[in-house]
Amino acid sequence: MVDWQEDYFDGRYDLTAQETKEMFEKYLGYRRVEVIDNPSVEEIKRHLVEKRPVIVPVAGRLLGNPYFQTPGPVYHMLVIKGYAGSQFIANDPGTKRGKDFLYDYDTIMEAMHDWNEADINLGGKKIIVAFP
């Protein structure tokens, strides 16, 4: 994937939600991938009920994950694969303990920011939904 990214995007960069969508389509061969602006918790849950993985770009340091190497990543993406109670169940590749990691809804919604080189906290609220 890294080789493909270097060829397609002319280098290694933090990918925006839109660029990640392109990678899903062009590299992984998905026919339908959507970038959704300003999703609600309920909208995310609806996609999960339909068995669609939800990829979330975030300002990584706002997650407060105790297993990140301090101070944590500026920009990060994780996969939400379910929910229980008031928490999302995530696969978070940022730590060895990221499988089935629980994040409060509020934490995800506040940390949700697409890549913005000037200031990650100014990045739009977006999710990427892959349709099987």
Protein backbone atom coordinates (compact mmCIF):
# COMPACT_ATOMS: atom_id res chain seq x y z
CA MET A 1 0.00 0.00 0.00
CA VAL A 2 2.81 2.39 0.81
CA ASP A 3 4.36 1.80 -2.62
CA TRP A 4 0.98 2.47 -4.25
CA GLN A 5 0.53 5.64 -2.20
CA GLU A 6 3.98 6.88 -3.18
CA ASP A 7 3.21 6.29 -6.86
CA TYR A 8 -0.37 7.58 -6.86
CA PHE A 9 0.12 10.61 -4.58
CA ASP A 10 3.79 11.22 -5.47
CA GLY A 11 5.04 10.59 -1.96
CA ARG A 12 4.13 9.61 1.58
CA TYR A 13 1.66 11.99 3.12
CA ASP A 14 -1.07 12.09 5.69
CA LEU A 15 -4.10 11.29 3.59
CA THR A 16 -7.33 13.24 3.83
CA ALA A 17 -10.66 11.44 4.03
CA GLN A 18 -11.17 12.05 0.30
CA GLU A 19 -7.71 10.65 -0.56
CA THR A 20 -8.38 7.62 1.63
CA LYS A 21 -11.63 7.09 -0.28
CA GLU A 22 -9.62 7.14 -3.52
CA MET A 23 -7.25 4.53 -2.11
CA PHE A 24 -10.18 2.27 -1.17
CA GLU A 25 -11.54 2.54 -4.70
CA LYS A 26 -8.38 2.48 -6.79
CA TYR A 27 -6.09 0.25 -4.71
CA LEU A 28 -8.53 -1.98 -2.82
CA GLY A 29 -11.15 -2.12 -5.56
CA TYR A 30 -14.19 -1.02 -3.55
CA ARG A 31 -17.03 0.12 -5.80
CA ARG A 32 -18.77 2.28 -3.24
CA VAL A 33 -17.06 4.37 -0.60
CA GLU A 34 -18.56 7.56 0.82
CA VAL A 35 -17.07 10.47 2.72
CA ILE A 36 -19.79 11.83 5.00
CA ASP A 37 -19.55 15.33 6.43
CA ASN A 38 -20.68 16.14 9.98
CA PRO A 39 -21.99 12.69 10.90
CA SER A 40 -24.02 12.17 14.05
CA VAL A 41 -23.56 9.33 16.52
CA GLU A 42 -26.86 7.90 15.28
CA GLU A 43 -25.69 8.02 11.65
CA ILE A 44 -22.49 6.16 12.54
CA LYS A 45 -24.52 3.55 14.43
CA ARG A 46 -26.84 3.06 11.42
CA HIS A 47 -23.84 2.20 9.23
CA LEU A 48 -22.55 -0.23 11.84
CA VAL A 49 -25.93 -1.98 12.04
CA GLU A 50 -25.71 -2.40 8.25
CA LYS A 51 -22.26 -4.02 8.76
CA ARG A 52 -20.35 -1.19 7.09
CA PRO A 53 -16.96 -0.33 8.58
CA VAL A 54 -16.61 3.32 9.55
CA ILE A 55 -13.16 4.87 9.27
CA VAL A 56 -12.69 7.99 11.34
CA PRO A 57 -9.93 10.57 10.83
CA VAL A 58 -9.08 12.18 14.16
CA ALA A 59 -6.83 14.61 15.93
CA GLY A 60 -5.09 11.73 17.68
CA ARG A 61 -4.05 13.56 20.81
CA LEU A 62 -7.68 14.37 21.59
CA LEU A 63 -8.47 10.66 21.94
CA GLY A 64 -6.63 10.45 25.25
CA ASN A 65 -5.64 6.86 24.56
CA PRO A 66 -3.35 5.86 27.46
CA TYR A 67 -1.53 3.35 25.24
CA PHE A 68 -0.30 5.88 22.68
CA GLN A 69 3.34 6.84 22.93
CA THR A 70 3.34 10.31 24.53
CA PRO A 71 2.14 12.79 23.34
CA GLY A 72 0.22 10.72 20.77
CA PRO A 73 -0.23 11.20 17.05
CA VAL A 74 -1.24 14.58 15.68
CA TYR A 75 -3.33 12.90 12.97
CA HIS A 76 -4.67 9.39 13.06
CA MET A 77 -7.37 7.12 11.63
CA LEU A 78 -9.19 4.28 13.31
CA VAL A 79 -11.98 1.89 12.42
CA ILE A 80 -15.23 1.83 14.35
CA LYS A 81 -16.73 -1.63 14.13
CA GLY A 82 -19.47 -1.59 16.73
CA TYR A 83 -20.97 0.07 19.76
CA ALA A 84 -22.12 -0.84 23.24
CA GLY A 85 -23.80 1.41 25.77
CA SER A 86 -22.27 4.87 25.35
CA GLN A 87 -19.09 3.68 23.61
CA PHE A 88 -17.86 2.84 20.15
CA ILE A 89 -15.86 -0.35 19.70
CA ALA A 90 -12.80 0.42 17.60
CA ASN A 91 -9.86 -1.28 16.02
CA ASP A 92 -7.16 1.29 16.64
CA PRO A 93 -3.89 0.59 14.81
CA GLY A 94 -2.08 3.21 16.88
CA THR A 95 -1.29 0.77 19.68
CA LYS A 96 -0.73 -2.95 20.23
CA ARG A 97 -3.76 -2.82 22.54
CA GLY A 98 -6.04 -1.27 19.94
CA LYS A 99 -8.21 -4.29 19.12
CA ASP A 100 -11.75 -3.81 20.49
CA PHE A 101 -10.70 -0.56 22.16
CA LEU A 102 -13.61 1.37 23.66
CA TYR A 103 -14.01 5.12 23.11
CA ASP A 104 -16.87 7.18 24.50
CA TYR A 105 -19.11 8.64 21.81
CA ASP A 106 -18.20 12.17 22.95
CA THR A 107 -14.47 11.43 22.69
CA ILE A 108 -14.77 10.26 19.08
CA MET A 109 -17.05 13.11 18.07
CA GLU A 110 -14.76 15.74 19.62
CA ALA A 111 -11.55 14.19 18.22
CA MET A 112 -13.03 13.72 14.72
CA HIS A 113 -11.04 15.99 12.38
CA ASP A 114 -9.92 15.46 8.81
CA TRP A 115 -6.33 16.32 7.88
CA ASN A 116 -5.56 20.03 7.94
CA GLU A 117 -1.88 20.83 7.59
CA ALA A 118 -2.17 24.25 9.23
CA ASP A 119 -4.06 23.02 12.32
CA ILE A 120 -5.55 19.56 12.73
CA ASN A 121 -8.23 21.00 15.02
CA LEU A 122 -9.58 22.97 12.03
CA GLY A 123 -10.09 19.84 9.94
CA GLY A 124 -13.69 19.04 9.07
CA LYS A 125 -15.76 16.42 10.85
CA LYS A 126 -15.87 13.46 8.44
CA ILE A 127 -16.15 9.71 8.31
CA ILE A 128 -15.38 7.26 5.53
CA VAL A 129 -17.86 4.45 4.99
CA ALA A 130 -16.95 1.41 2.92
CA PHE A 131 -19.89 -0.47 1.43
CA PRO A 132 -19.18 -4.22 1.06
